[in-house]
PDB file of N, CA and C in Angstrom:
ATOM      1  N   MET A   1       0.830  -1.191   0.000  1.00  0.00           N
ATOM      2  CA  MET A   1       0.000   0.000   0.000  1.00  0.00           C
ATOM      3  C   MET A   1       0.872   1.252   0.000  1.00  0.00           C
ATOM      4  N   ARG A   2       1.947   1.189   0.772  1.00  0.00           N
ATOM      5  CA  ARG A   2       2.837   2.351   0.855  1.00  0.00           C
ATOM      6  C   ARG A   2       3.426   2.686  -0.512  1.00  0.00           C
ATOM      7  N   THR A   3       3.797   1.672  -1.272  1.00  0.00           N
ATOM      8  CA  THR A   3       4.361   1.883  -2.606  1.00  0.00           C
ATOM      9  C   THR A   3       3.359   2.578  -3.522  1.00  0.00           C
ATOM     10  N   VAL A   4       2.103   2.181  -3.436  1.00  0.00           N
ATOM     11  CA  VAL A   4       1.049   2.781  -4.265  1.00  0.00           C
ATOM     12  C   VAL A   4       0.879   4.257  -3.916  1.00  0.00           C
ATOM     13  N   VAL A   5       0.849   4.564  -2.617  1.00  0.00           N
ATOM     14  CA  VAL A   5       0.688   5.958  -2.183  1.00  0.00           C
ATOM     15  C   VAL A   5       1.915   6.785  -2.561  1.00  0.00           C
ATOM     16  N   LEU A   6       3.111   6.238  -2.357  1.00  0.00           N
ATOM     17  CA  LEU A   6       4.328   6.986  -2.709  1.00  0.00           C
ATOM     18  C   LEU A   6       4.381   7.299  -4.207  1.00  0.00           C
ATOM     19  N   LYS A   7       3.909   6.372  -5.035  1.00  0.00           N
ATOM     20  CA  LYS A   7       3.861   6.616  -6.481  1.00  0.00           C
ATOM     21  C   LYS A   7       2.897   7.767  -6.782  1.00  0.00           C
ATOM     22  N   ALA A   8       1.733   7.769  -6.141  1.00  0.00           N
ATOM     23  CA  ALA A   8       0.760   8.853  -6.348  1.00  0.00           C
ATOM     24  C   ALA A   8       1.323  10.191  -5.863  1.00  0.00           C
ATOM     25  N   LEU A   9       2.056  10.169  -4.756  1.00  0.00           N
ATOM     26  CA  LEU A   9       2.674  11.404  -4.260  1.00  0.00           C
ATOM     27  C   LEU A   9       3.716  11.930  -5.245  1.00  0.00           C
ATOM     28  N   GLU A  10       4.490  11.031  -5.820  1.00  0.00           N
ATOM     29  CA  GLU A  10       5.505  11.442  -6.797  1.00  0.00           C
ATOM     30  C   GLU A  10       4.841  12.041  -8.037  1.00  0.00           C
ATOM     31  N   GLU A  11       3.740  11.457  -8.483  1.00  0.00           N
ATOM     32  CA  GLU A  11       3.005  12.008  -9.627  1.00  0.00           C
ATOM     33  C   GLU A  11       2.449  13.392  -9.299  1.00  0.00           C
ATOM     34  N   ALA A  12       1.909  13.555  -8.105  1.00  0.00           N
ATOM     35  CA  ALA A  12       1.388  14.862  -7.681  1.00  0.00           C
ATOM     36  C   ALA A  12       2.509  15.888  -7.580  1.00  0.00           C
ATOM     37  N   ARG A  13       3.667  15.448  -7.157  1.00  0.00           N
ATOM     38  CA  ARG A  13       4.829  16.339  -7.072  1.00  0.00           C
ATOM     39  C   ARG A  13       5.266  16.771  -8.470  1.00  0.00           C
ATOM     40  N   SER A  14       5.301  15.838  -9.409  1.00  0.00           N
ATOM     41  CA  SER A  14       5.731  16.178 -10.774  1.00  0.00           C
ATOM     42  C   SER A  14       4.703  17.068 -11.477  1.00  0.00           C
ATOM     43  N   GLU A  15       3.435  16.962 -11.074  1.00  0.00           N
ATOM     44  CA  GLU A  15       2.378  17.818 -11.638  1.00  0.00           C
ATOM     45  C   GLU A  15       2.247  19.138 -10.875  1.00  0.00           C
ATOM     46  N   LYS A  16       3.127  19.360  -9.899  1.00  0.00           N
ATOM     47  CA  LYS A  16       3.168  20.598  -9.094  1.00  0.00           C
ATOM     48  C   LYS A  16       1.925  20.796  -8.214  1.00  0.00           C
ATOM     49  N   VAL A  17       1.239  19.696  -7.894  1.00  0.00           N
ATOM     50  CA  VAL A  17       0.114  19.770  -6.959  1.00  0.00           C
ATOM     51  C   VAL A  17       0.651  20.000  -5.553  1.00  0.00           C
ATOM     52  N   ILE A  18       1.746  19.304  -5.231  1.00  0.00           N
ATOM     53  CA  ILE A  18       2.433  19.462  -3.948  1.00  0.00           C
ATOM     54  C   ILE A  18       3.912  19.646  -4.210  1.00  0.00           C
ATOM     55  N   GLY A  19       4.595  20.175  -3.205  1.00  0.00           N
ATOM     56  CA  GLY A  19       6.046  20.279  -3.298  1.00  0.00           C
ATOM     57  C   GLY A  19       6.706  19.106  -2.595  1.00  0.00           C
ATOM     58  N   LYS A  20       6.294  18.869  -1.355  1.00  0.00           N
ATOM     59  CA  LYS A  20       6.818  17.752  -0.580  1.00  0.00           C
ATOM     60  C   LYS A  20       5.648  16.960  -0.018  1.00  0.00           C
ATOM     61  N   SER A  21       5.902  15.751   0.425  1.00  0.00           N
ATOM     62  CA  SER A  21       4.811  14.876   0.846  1.00  0.00           C
ATOM     63  C   SER A  21       4.032  15.429   2.040  1.00  0.00           C
ATOM     64  N   LEU A  22       4.677  16.194   2.922  1.00  0.00           N
ATOM     65  CA  LEU A  22       3.962  16.755   4.066  1.00  0.00           C
ATOM     66  C   LEU A  22       2.976  17.855   3.677  1.00  0.00           C
ATOM     67  N   GLU A  23       2.970  18.266   2.428  1.00  0.00           N
ATOM     68  CA  GLU A  23       1.978  19.227   1.941  1.00  0.00           C
ATOM     69  C   GLU A  23       0.733  18.506   1.415  1.00  0.00           C
ATOM     70  N   ALA A  24       0.716  17.178   1.496  1.00  0.00           N
ATOM     71  CA  ALA A  24      -0.337  16.391   0.853  1.00  0.00           C
ATOM     72  C   ALA A  24      -1.479  16.009   1.790  1.00  0.00           C
ATOM     73  N   HIS A  25      -2.657  16.000   1.189  1.00  0.00           N
ATOM     74  CA  HIS A  25      -3.869  15.421   1.782  1.00  0.00           C
ATOM     75  C   HIS A  25      -4.217  14.255   0.866  1.00  0.00           C
ATOM     76  N   VAL A  26      -4.082  13.047   1.385  1.00  0.00           N
ATOM     77  CA  VAL A  26      -4.295  11.844   0.590  1.00  0.00           C
ATOM     78  C   VAL A  26      -5.642  11.220   0.940  1.00  0.00           C
ATOM     79  N   SER A  27      -6.417  10.895  -0.086  1.00  0.00           N
ATOM     80  CA  SER A  27      -7.634  10.107   0.072  1.00  0.00           C
ATOM     81  C   SER A  27      -7.338   8.734  -0.510  1.00  0.00           C
ATOM     82  N   LEU A  28      -7.552   7.736   0.289  1.00  0.00           N
ATOM     83  CA  LEU A  28      -7.164   6.380  -0.068  1.00  0.00           C
ATOM     84  C   LEU A  28      -8.394   5.476   0.015  1.00  0.00           C
ATOM     85  N   LYS A  29      -8.781   4.903  -1.124  1.00  0.00           N
ATOM     86  CA  LYS A  29      -9.890   3.948  -1.153  1.00  0.00           C
ATOM     87  C   LYS A  29      -9.278   2.553  -1.190  1.00  0.00           C
ATOM     88  N   VAL A  30      -9.633   1.727  -0.186  1.00  0.00           N
ATOM     89  CA  VAL A  30      -9.021   0.408  -0.035  1.00  0.00           C
ATOM     90  C   VAL A  30     -10.065  -0.623   0.373  1.00  0.00           C
ATOM     91  N   SER A  31      -9.654  -1.877   0.369  1.00  0.00           N
ATOM     92  CA  SER A  31     -10.535  -2.970   0.789  1.00  0.00           C
ATOM     93  C   SER A  31     -10.854  -2.835   2.277  1.00  0.00           C
ATOM     94  N   PRO A  32     -11.932  -3.448   2.719  1.00  0.00           N
ATOM     95  CA  PRO A  32     -12.301  -3.373   4.139  1.00  0.00           C
ATOM     96  C   PRO A  32     -11.190  -3.852   5.083  1.00  0.00           C
ATOM     97  N   SER A  33     -10.454  -4.879   4.709  1.00  0.00           N
ATOM     98  CA  SER A  33      -9.395  -5.399   5.593  1.00  0.00           C
ATOM     99  C   SER A  33      -8.242  -4.402   5.736  1.00  0.00           C
ATOM    100  N   ILE A  34      -7.859  -3.760   4.642  1.00  0.00           N
ATOM    101  CA  ILE A  34      -6.780  -2.764   4.715  1.00  0.00           C
ATOM    102  C   ILE A  34      -7.266  -1.534   5.467  1.00  0.00           C
ATOM    103  N   LYS A  35      -8.508  -1.137   5.256  1.00  0.00           N
ATOM    104  CA  LYS A  35      -9.065  -0.003   5.993  1.00  0.00           C
ATOM    105  C   LYS A  35      -9.026  -0.281   7.488  1.00  0.00           C
ATOM    106  N   GLN A  36      -9.424  -1.472   7.886  1.00  0.00           N
ATOM    107  CA  GLN A  36      -9.419  -1.841   9.299  1.00  0.00           C
ATOM    108  C   GLN A  36      -7.997  -1.801   9.858  1.00  0.00           C
ATOM    109  N   MET A  37      -7.027  -2.322   9.098  1.00  0.00           N
ATOM    110  CA  MET A  37      -5.640  -2.319   9.542  1.00  0.00           C
ATOM    111  C   MET A  37      -5.135  -0.886   9.743  1.00  0.00           C
ATOM    112  N   LEU A  38      -5.431   0.001   8.794  1.00  0.00           N
ATOM    113  CA  LEU A  38      -4.988   1.389   8.904  1.00  0.00           C
ATOM    114  C   LEU A  38      -5.668   2.108  10.067  1.00  0.00           C
ATOM    115  N   GLN A  39      -6.929   1.797  10.317  1.00  0.00           N
ATOM    116  CA  GLN A  39      -7.650   2.430  11.418  1.00  0.00           C
ATOM    117  C   GLN A  39      -7.128   1.987  12.778  1.00  0.00           C
ATOM    118  N   GLN A  40      -6.494   0.827  12.841  1.00  0.00           N
ATOM    119  CA  GLN A  40      -5.932   0.343  14.097  1.00  0.00           C
ATOM    120  C   GLN A  40      -4.611   1.021  14.432  1.00  0.00           C
ATOM    121  N   MET A  41      -4.000   1.666  13.452  1.00  0.00           N
ATOM    122  CA  MET A  41      -2.749   2.385  13.690  1.00  0.00           C
ATOM    123  C   MET A  41      -3.053   3.698  14.392  1.00  0.00           C
ATOM    124  N   SER A  42      -2.150   4.146  15.256  1.00  0.00           N
ATOM    125  CA  SER A  42      -2.393   5.391  15.986  1.00  0.00           C
ATOM    126  C   SER A  42      -2.287   6.619  15.083  1.00  0.00           C
ATOM    127  N   ALA A  43      -1.433   6.596  14.099  1.00  0.00           N
ATOM    128  CA  ALA A  43      -1.279   7.727  13.177  1.00  0.00           C
ATOM    129  C   ALA A  43      -0.891   7.203  11.797  1.00  0.00           C
ATOM    130  N   PRO A  44      -1.859   6.672  11.032  1.00  0.00           N
ATOM    131  CA  PRO A  44      -1.522   6.066   9.742  1.00  0.00           C
ATOM    132  C   PRO A  44      -0.924   7.047   8.736  1.00  0.00           C
ATOM    133  N   GLU A  45      -1.185   8.354   8.902  1.00  0.00           N
ATOM    134  CA  GLU A  45      -0.598   9.326   7.971  1.00  0.00           C
ATOM    135  C   GLU A  45       0.931   9.332   8.063  1.00  0.00           C
ATOM    136  N   LYS A  46       1.471   8.907   9.194  1.00  0.00           N
ATOM    137  CA  LYS A  46       2.935   8.846   9.347  1.00  0.00           C
ATOM    138  C   LYS A  46       3.542   7.757   8.474  1.00  0.00           C
ATOM    139  N   LEU A  47       2.782   6.704   8.202  1.00  0.00           N
ATOM    140  CA  LEU A  47       3.262   5.632   7.335  1.00  0.00           C
ATOM    141  C   LEU A  47       3.582   6.161   5.938  1.00  0.00           C
ATOM    142  N   PHE A  48       2.788   7.141   5.494  1.00  0.00           N
ATOM    143  CA  PHE A  48       2.944   7.695   4.153  1.00  0.00           C
ATOM    144  C   PHE A  48       3.650   9.052   4.149  1.00  0.00           C
ATOM    145  N   ILE A  49       3.955   9.575   5.334  1.00  0.00           N
ATOM    146  CA  ILE A  49       4.626  10.877   5.505  1.00  0.00           C
ATOM    147  C   ILE A  49       3.817  11.989   4.833  1.00  0.00           C
ATOM    148  N   VAL A  50       2.541  12.049   5.196  1.00  0.00           N
ATOM    149  CA  VAL A  50       1.647  13.092   4.689  1.00  0.00           C
ATOM    150  C   VAL A  50       0.980  13.789   5.876  1.00  0.00           C
ATOM    151  N   SER A  51       0.424  14.972   5.635  1.00  0.00           N
ATOM    152  CA  SER A  51      -0.213  15.716   6.717  1.00  0.00           C
ATOM    153  C   SER A  51      -1.625  15.234   7.014  1.00  0.00           C
ATOM    154  N   LYS A  52      -2.350  14.816   5.997  1.00  0.00           N
ATOM    155  CA  LYS A  52      -3.728  14.379   6.197  1.00  0.00           C
ATOM    156  C   LYS A  52      -3.990  13.121   5.384  1.00  0.00           C
ATOM    157  N   LEU A  53      -4.779  12.220   5.966  1.00  0.00           N
ATOM    158  CA  LEU A  53      -5.097  10.956   5.299  1.00  0.00           C
ATOM    159  C   LEU A  53      -6.555  10.607   5.579  1.00  0.00           C
ATOM    160  N   ASP A  54      -7.316  10.415   4.524  1.00  0.00           N
ATOM    161  CA  ASP A  54      -8.681   9.920   4.621  1.00  0.00           C
ATOM    162  C   ASP A  54      -8.682   8.502   4.059  1.00  0.00           C
ATOM    163  N   VAL A  55      -9.187   7.560   4.829  1.00  0.00           N
ATOM    164  CA  VAL A  55      -9.252   6.165   4.382  1.00  0.00           C
ATOM    165  C   VAL A  55     -10.710   5.814   4.165  1.00  0.00           C
ATOM    166  N   LEU A  56     -11.016   5.458   2.927  1.00  0.00           N
ATOM    167  CA  LEU A  56     -12.375   5.120   2.527  1.00  0.00           C
ATOM    168  C   LEU A  56     -12.422   3.660   2.108  1.00  0.00           C
ATOM    169  N   GLU A  57     -13.588   3.067   2.210  1.00  0.00           N
ATOM    170  CA  GLU A  57     -13.739   1.674   1.825  1.00  0.00           C
ATOM    171  C   GLU A  57     -14.230   1.577   0.388  1.00  0.00           C
ATOM    172  N   GLY A  58     -13.621   0.672  -0.369  1.00  0.00           N
ATOM    173  CA  GLY A  58     -14.025   0.459  -1.748  1.00  0.00           C
ATOM    174  C   GLY A  58     -13.491  -0.857  -2.246  1.00  0.00           C
ATOM    175  N   GLU A  59     -13.974  -1.279  -3.408  1.00  0.00           N
ATOM    176  CA  GLU A  59     -13.527  -2.557  -3.949  1.00  0.00           C
ATOM    177  C   GLU A  59     -12.178  -2.438  -4.640  1.00  0.00           C
ATOM    178  N   ASP A  60     -11.967  -1.338  -5.360  1.00  0.00           N
ATOM    179  CA  ASP A  60     -10.698  -1.126  -6.048  1.00  0.00           C
ATOM    180  C   ASP A  60      -9.874  -0.107  -5.277  1.00  0.00           C
ATOM    181  N   THR A  61      -8.571  -0.343  -5.216  1.00  0.00           N
ATOM    182  CA  THR A  61      -7.684   0.609  -4.559  1.00  0.00           C
ATOM    183  C   THR A  61      -7.550   1.844  -5.432  1.00  0.00           C
ATOM    184  N   HIS A  62      -7.722   2.995  -4.814  1.00  0.00           N
ATOM    185  CA  HIS A  62      -7.594   4.268  -5.530  1.00  0.00           C
ATOM    186  C   HIS A  62      -6.971   5.291  -4.592  1.00  0.00           C
ATOM    187  N   VAL A  63      -6.036   6.075  -5.130  1.00  0.00           N
ATOM    188  CA  VAL A  63      -5.365   7.106  -4.343  1.00  0.00           C
ATOM    189  C   VAL A  63      -5.547   8.441  -5.040  1.00  0.00           C
ATOM    190  N   SER A  64      -5.966   9.450  -4.290  1.00  0.00           N
ATOM    191  CA  SER A  64      -5.988  10.807  -4.835  1.00  0.00           C
ATOM    192  C   SER A  64      -5.204  11.704  -3.887  1.00  0.00           C
ATOM    193  N   VAL A  65      -4.508  12.657  -4.478  1.00  0.00           N
ATOM    194  CA  VAL A  65      -3.649  13.557  -3.714  1.00  0.00           C
ATOM    195  C   VAL A  65      -4.025  14.984  -4.047  1.00  0.00           C
ATOM    196  N   GLU A  66      -4.200  15.788  -3.006  1.00  0.00           N
ATOM    197  CA  GLU A  66      -4.417  17.220  -3.177  1.00  0.00           C
ATOM    198  C   GLU A  66      -3.584  17.956  -2.134  1.00  0.00           C
ATOM    199  N   LYS A  67      -3.469  19.233  -2.311  1.00  0.00           N
ATOM    200  CA  LYS A  67      -2.710  20.037  -1.362  1.00  0.00           C
ATOM    201  C   LYS A  67      -3.510  20.138  -0.069  1.00  0.00           C
ATOM    202  N   ALA A  68      -2.859  19.885   1.059  1.00  0.00           N
ATOM    203  CA  ALA A  68      -3.521  19.952   2.359  1.00  0.00           C
ATOM    204  C   ALA A  68      -3.868  21.400   2.691  1.00  0.00           C
ATOM    205  N   SER A  69      -4.994  21.579   3.368  1.00  0.00           N
ATOM    206  CA  SER A  69      -5.392  22.921   3.782  1.00  0.00           C
ATOM    207  C   SER A  69      -4.764  23.229   5.132  1.00  0.00           C
ATOM    208  N   GLY A  70      -4.571  24.494   5.414  1.00  0.00           N
ATOM    209  CA  GLY A  70      -4.011  24.912   6.684  1.00  0.00           C
ATOM    210  C   GLY A  70      -2.640  25.533   6.506  1.00  0.00           C
ATOM    211  N   ASP A  71      -1.941  25.670   7.626  1.00  0.00           N
ATOM    212  CA  ASP A  71      -0.612  26.267   7.640  1.00  0.00           C
ATOM    213  C   ASP A  71       0.404  25.233   8.103  1.00  0.00           C
ATOM    214  N   THR A  72       1.665  25.496   7.803  1.00  0.00           N
ATOM    215  CA  THR A  72       2.732  24.584   8.186  1.00  0.00           C
ATOM    216  C   THR A  72       3.205  24.888   9.601  1.00  0.00           C
ATOM    217  N   CYS A  73       3.225  23.856  10.430  1.00  0.00           N
ATOM    218  CA  CYS A  73       3.745  23.977  11.795  1.00  0.00           C
ATOM    219  C   CYS A  73       5.265  24.085  11.708  1.00  0.00           C
ATOM    220  N   GLU A  74       5.824  25.042  12.428  1.00  0.00           N
ATOM    221  CA  GLU A  74       7.274  25.248  12.363  1.00  0.00           C
ATOM    222  C   GLU A  74       8.064  24.193  13.127  1.00  0.00           C
ATOM    223  N   ARG A  75       7.390  23.370  13.904  1.00  0.00           N
ATOM    224  CA  ARG A  75       8.097  22.336  14.652  1.00  0.00           C
ATOM    225  C   ARG A  75       8.057  20.988  13.933  1.00  0.00           C
ATOM    226  N   CYS A  76       6.872  20.535  13.537  1.00  0.00           N
ATOM    227  CA  CYS A  76       6.739  19.202  12.928  1.00  0.00           C
ATOM    228  C   CYS A  76       6.640  19.237  11.400  1.00  0.00           C
ATOM    229  N   TRP A  77       6.428  20.400  10.831  1.00  0.00           N
ATOM    230  CA  TRP A  77       6.328  20.625   9.387  1.00  0.00           C
ATOM    231  C   TRP A  77       5.067  20.057   8.750  1.00  0.00           C
ATOM    232  N   HIS A  78       4.120  19.566   9.556  1.00  0.00           N
ATOM    233  CA  HIS A  78       2.845  19.102   9.008  1.00  0.00           C
ATOM    234  C   HIS A  78       1.971  20.313   8.703  1.00  0.00           C
ATOM    235  N   VAL A  79       1.168  20.190   7.673  1.00  0.00           N
ATOM    236  CA  VAL A  79       0.195  21.236   7.332  1.00  0.00           C
ATOM    237  C   VAL A  79      -1.070  20.919   8.116  1.00  0.00           C
ATOM    238  N   LYS A  80      -1.451  21.837   9.009  1.00  0.00           N
ATOM    239  CA  LYS A  80      -2.584  21.587   9.903  1.00  0.00           C
ATOM    240  C   LYS A  80      -3.506  22.792   9.946  1.00  0.00           C
ATOM    241  N   ASP A  81      -4.782  22.529  10.173  1.00  0.00           N
ATOM    242  CA  ASP A  81      -5.760  23.599  10.304  1.00  0.00           C
ATOM    243  C   ASP A  81      -5.664  24.310  11.652  1.00  0.00           C
ATOM    244  N   ASP A  82      -5.043  23.661  12.640  1.00  0.00           N
ATOM    245  CA  ASP A  82      -4.990  24.253  13.979  1.00  0.00           C
ATOM    246  C   ASP A  82      -3.712  25.037  14.278  1.00  0.00           C
ATOM    247  N   VAL A  83      -2.870  25.264  13.282  1.00  0.00           N
ATOM    248  CA  VAL A  83      -1.678  26.086  13.508  1.00  0.00           C
ATOM    249  C   VAL A  83      -2.128  27.497  13.861  1.00  0.00           C
ATOM    250  N   GLY A  84      -1.577  28.011  14.960  1.00  0.00           N
ATOM    251  CA  GLY A  84      -1.895  29.367  15.383  1.00  0.00           C
ATOM    252  C   GLY A  84      -3.036  29.474  16.371  1.00  0.00           C
ATOM    253  N   GLU A  85      -3.699  28.376  16.693  1.00  0.00           N
ATOM    254  CA  GLU A  85      -4.808  28.439  17.639  1.00  0.00           C
ATOM    255  C   GLU A  85      -4.335  28.673  19.071  1.00  0.00           C
ATOM    256  N   ASN A  86      -3.136  28.228  19.386  1.00  0.00           N
ATOM    257  CA  ASN A  86      -2.581  28.445  20.718  1.00  0.00           C
ATOM    258  C   ASN A  86      -1.828  29.772  20.705  1.00  0.00           C
ATOM    259  N   GLN A  87      -2.330  30.752  21.427  1.00  0.00           N
ATOM    260  CA  GLN A  87      -1.749  32.098  21.394  1.00  0.00           C
ATOM    261  C   GLN A  87      -0.338  32.149  21.964  1.00  0.00           C
ATOM    262  N   SER A  88       0.001  31.214  22.842  1.00  0.00           N
ATOM    263  CA  SER A  88       1.359  31.188  23.400  1.00  0.00           C
ATOM    264  C   SER A  88       2.381  30.703  22.373  1.00  0.00           C
ATOM    265  N   PHE A  89       1.919  29.892  21.420  1.00  0.00           N
ATOM    266  CA  PHE A  89       2.800  29.332  20.396  1.00  0.00           C
ATOM    267  C   PHE A  89       2.117  29.464  19.043  1.00  0.00           C
ATOM    268  N   PRO A  90       2.030  30.673  18.484  1.00  0.00           N
ATOM    269  CA  PRO A  90       1.227  30.907  17.281  1.00  0.00           C
ATOM    270  C   PRO A  90       1.746  30.254  16.002  1.00  0.00           C
ATOM    271  N   MET A  91       2.966  29.781  15.987  1.00  0.00           N
ATOM    272  CA  MET A  91       3.509  29.160  14.778  1.00  0.00           C
ATOM    273  C   MET A  91       3.474  27.630  14.838  1.00  0.00           C
ATOM    274  N   LEU A  92       2.804  27.082  15.895  1.00  0.00           N
ATOM    275  CA  LEU A  92       2.776  25.643  16.088  1.00  0.00           C
ATOM    276  C   LEU A  92       1.360  25.096  16.014  1.00  0.00           C
ATOM    277  N   CYS A  93       1.259  23.813  15.649  1.00  0.00           N
ATOM    278  CA  CYS A  93      -0.026  23.125  15.715  1.00  0.00           C
ATOM    279  C   CYS A  93      -0.318  22.819  17.187  1.00  0.00           C
ATOM    280  N   GLU A  94      -1.540  22.415  17.476  1.00  0.00           N
ATOM    281  CA  GLU A  94      -1.923  22.160  18.871  1.00  0.00           C
ATOM    282  C   GLU A  94      -1.082  21.056  19.496  1.00  0.00           C
ATOM    283  N   ARG A  95      -0.800  20.011  18.755  1.00  0.00           N
ATOM    284  CA  ARG A  95       0.001  18.912  19.294  1.00  0.00           C
ATOM    285  C   ARG A  95       1.386  19.393  19.701  1.00  0.00           C
ATOM    286  N   CYS A  96       2.038  20.127  18.822  1.00  0.00           N
ATOM    287  CA  CYS A  96       3.381  20.629  19.120  1.00  0.00           C
ATOM    288  C   CYS A  96       3.347  21.680  20.229  1.00  0.00           C
ATOM    289  N   ALA A  97       2.322  22.516  20.249  1.00  0.00           N
ATOM    290  CA  ALA A  97       2.193  23.521  21.309  1.00  0.00           C
ATOM    291  C   ALA A  97       2.078  22.832  22.666  1.00  0.00           C
ATOM    292  N   ASP A  98       1.333  21.735  22.743  1.00  0.00           N
ATOM    293  CA  ASP A  98       1.212  20.986  23.995  1.00  0.00           C
ATOM    294  C   ASP A  98       2.553  20.401  24.425  1.00  0.00           C
ATOM    295  N   VAL A  99       3.304  19.863  23.461  1.00  0.00           N
ATOM    296  CA  VAL A  99       4.611  19.277  23.767  1.00  0.00           C
ATOM    297  C   VAL A  99       5.561  20.348  24.283  1.00  0.00           C
ATOM    298  N   VAL A 100       5.614  21.484  23.591  1.00  0.00           N
ATOM    299  CA  VAL A 100       6.519  22.567  23.989  1.00  0.00           C
ATOM    300  C   VAL A 100       6.113  23.126  25.349  1.00  0.00           C
ATOM    301  N   ALA A 101       4.825  23.296  25.582  1.00  0.00           N
ATOM    302  CA  ALA A 101       4.354  23.809  26.872  1.00  0.00           C
ATOM    303  C   ALA A 101       4.721  22.846  27.996  1.00  0.00           C
ATOM    304  N   THR A 102       4.580  21.543  27.764  1.00  0.00           N
ATOM    305  CA  THR A 102       4.944  20.544  28.770  1.00  0.00           C
ATOM    306  C   THR A 102       6.439  20.610  29.055  1.00  0.00           C
ATOM    307  N   TYR A 103       7.237  20.742  28.017  1.00  0.00           N
ATOM    308  CA  TYR A 103       8.693  20.852  28.183  1.00  0.00           C
ATOM    309  C   TYR A 103       9.044  22.117  28.959  1.00  0.00           C
ATOM    310  N   ASP A 104       8.424  23.224  28.598  1.00  0.00           N
ATOM    311  CA  ASP A 104       8.674  24.489  29.295  1.00  0.00           C
ATOM    312  C   ASP A 104       8.351  24.370  30.779  1.00  0.00           C
ATOM    313  N   ARG A 105       7.220  23.742  31.100  1.00  0.00           N
ATOM    314  CA  ARG A 105       6.842  23.561  32.523  1.00  0.00           C
ATOM    315  C   ARG A 105       7.858  22.696  33.240  1.00  0.00           C
ATOM    316  N   ALA A 106       8.310  21.625  32.585  1.00  0.00           N
ATOM    317  CA  ALA A 106       9.287  20.721  33.218  1.00  0.00           C
ATOM    318  C   ALA A 106      10.594  21.446  33.488  1.00  0.00           C
ATOM    319  N   VAL A 107      11.036  22.273  32.564  1.00  0.00           N
ATOM    320  CA  VAL A 107      12.292  23.009  32.741  1.00  0.00           C
ATOM    321  C   VAL A 107      12.149  24.027  33.869  1.00  0.00           C
ATOM    322  N   LEU A 108      11.017  24.717  33.919  1.00  0.00           N
ATOM    323  CA  LEU A 108      10.796  25.702  34.963  1.00  0.00           C
ATOM    324  C   LEU A 108      10.690  25.093  36.349  1.00  0.00           C
ATOM    325  N   GLU A 109      10.157  23.877  36.426  1.00  0.00           N
ATOM    326  CA  GLU A 109       9.971  23.211  37.705  1.00  0.00           C
ATOM    327  C   GLU A 109      11.202  22.437  38.163  1.00  0.00           C
ATOM    328  N   GLU A 110      12.162  22.234  37.274  1.00  0.00           N
ATOM    329  CA  GLU A 110      13.358  21.474  37.609  1.00  0.00           C
ATOM    330  C   GLU A 110      14.207  22.235  38.621  1.00  0.00           C
ATOM    331  N   PRO A 111      14.617  21.591  39.707  1.00  0.00           N
ATOM    332  CA  PRO A 111      15.430  22.303  40.697  1.00  0.00           C
ATOM    333  C   PRO A 111      16.824  22.633  40.137  1.00  0.00           C
ATOM    334  N   ALA A 112      17.333  23.789  40.524  1.00  0.00           N
ATOM    335  CA  ALA A 112      18.665  24.221  40.059  1.00  0.00           C
ATOM    336  C   ALA A 112      19.730  23.337  40.698  1.00  0.00           C
ATOM    337  N   LYS A 113      20.763  23.064  39.920  1.00  0.00           N
ATOM    338  CA  LYS A 113      21.852  22.202  40.417  1.00  0.00           C
ATOM    339  C   LYS A 113      23.024  23.036  40.847  1.00  0.00           C
TER     340      LYS A 113
END
């Protein structure tokens, strides 16, 4: 499956739909068994190195690639709709803002040596 998606990403790149794979929103139509397998993964979009992945059920495998909507997070480079929602970290997506905030709290709470 990964090979099929990577081929579609390369075609989209050559057609100037996307520049890099993290700019992609992939819609993937697959058999019920493959859909179930992908849904069991915690982050199936990481398998294909894309920002967004929609998995649909169908009889024939089909991949479509379009440019993902949103802005690029300066930490993870994923294109996300929630970039800028956290006012403390306006250039980050919510996931990265949470990670950075947790790190900041840990550093502030760490006793001086």
